[in-house]
Every structure is written in C-alpha cells, then in structure tokens.
C-alpha cells in the first residue's frame, strides 16, 4: 500500500522531471531573455505529459524567477543569470546539472564570506549546547573516517551546527541553500580520504576557537578551509570545461 510520503515523493519526482524537460527545451531552442515560451498545451504535447503537470512546473519556475507570466500575453523567459533566485541554482544542482567553473568560483566566494560571518557570530553567541552538539559531530566524523567512509553527510551536519550556533535564522536559511547546492560535489570531494582528514582537522580546531571565543583565529581558519575547497573545484571543473571545449 502506498503511503502519503510515497505519493508525495512520486509527485515531487514527476514534477522535477517536467521541470527538467522544460529547461532542456529552453536550452535546445536556445531561447533568449524575453522570448516567449510555447503554450501549456504545446509543452504538454512536446513532453508527453498532462497540462496540470506542466502548469505546476511552470508555476515553480515563475516562483524561482526563471520565467514570468504576463497577463493576456503568455509566459516569457527571464534573464536567468541576473533575475532568478539562488534557489533556482540549487534546484538545477539537485536535478544533476553540473555548475560551470565560474558559478563554482562565485558561489564559493560568497559562501566563504558568509561562513566567516557565521564563525564570528558563533564565537560571540554560542551556548554550551552548541558546543556539545559540535563535539558530538566531531566524534561521528572520526568514526566515519576510522571506518574508511565518506564524511560528506557529517561534514554538512557540522557546518549546519556551526551556523545554528549564530542564532541568526536568516543566516541559517541562506547557508542551508548553499549546502544543498554543494551536496553532490561534497560526495566527490570527500571520496578522497585526504580531503576528509584535512576537513576534520580544521573542524576540530574551529570548535576550539569558537569555545575560546577567538573570532580572529576562527575567521582566518574558515577562510583557509574554504579556499582549499574552492581551489580544488576550480581545478576539477576547469579541466572538465577544457575537455568539453576540445571535443
């Protein structure tokens, strides 16, 4: 018997497939900002799905500011790079899209500065409960490494716990979006045990600085931590981009 959660998952998967189909269509037709999209009926026929599914997918894309609906006119493509929300990038990453080297560099640049703000606030505002939570995650990280596992999931948990220690709900929501955007890449990064061990060392030292309320050392460390990740991904995606262009 299918449960409500199963039904919701099927619905979400189906919606994602329709959204992906619409985005693929936009790319194939090389639509430019301001170009009009086909009607719901035409899109449904092209994608082999129902109009309700297309309508829901289009509503999602409108919310993410990738397209806009003009009364009595139709649906038009926005300037995605300038007007769409960051959640649009997160959604594309969730669907398996590979970010460009420029997107990686720019998102890592923004995230590094937000993480620096987070550790400074955590040094000021952390409670004993925050430190205890971080210590538990450090131990779990050690356990995963000892079992030769991938620390991607527990690494994300550490960063979420760190930003939670700021007690700033807006910063929590913003950085959570960045963590979702990098989820797939983290799995690849931490398949290398060396990266996992280096990250664990940084995290342990970060907790020490936060415990001591040493904001300067914590900020310097998180910026080095983020620079290492940024350099890794710029190198990996840069080489991939060169390979694609040489074909």
Foldseek 3Di string as FASTA:
>chain_A
DQDPVNVVVVLVVLLLVLLVLVVVVCVVVVADFFDFDDDLVVSCVVSVHDSVSSVVSVVVCVVQVQWHADPPPHIGGHHCVPGGHLVVLLSCVVVPDDDALVVLLVLLVVLLVLLLVLLLLLLVQADPVLLVQLVVLLVVLVVCLVVLHFCLVSLLVNSLSSSVSSVDVVSSVVVVSVSSSCSVVSSVQRNPSVLSVVSSVLSVVSSVCSVVSPSVVNSVSSSVNSVVVSVVVSVVNVVVVVVVVVD
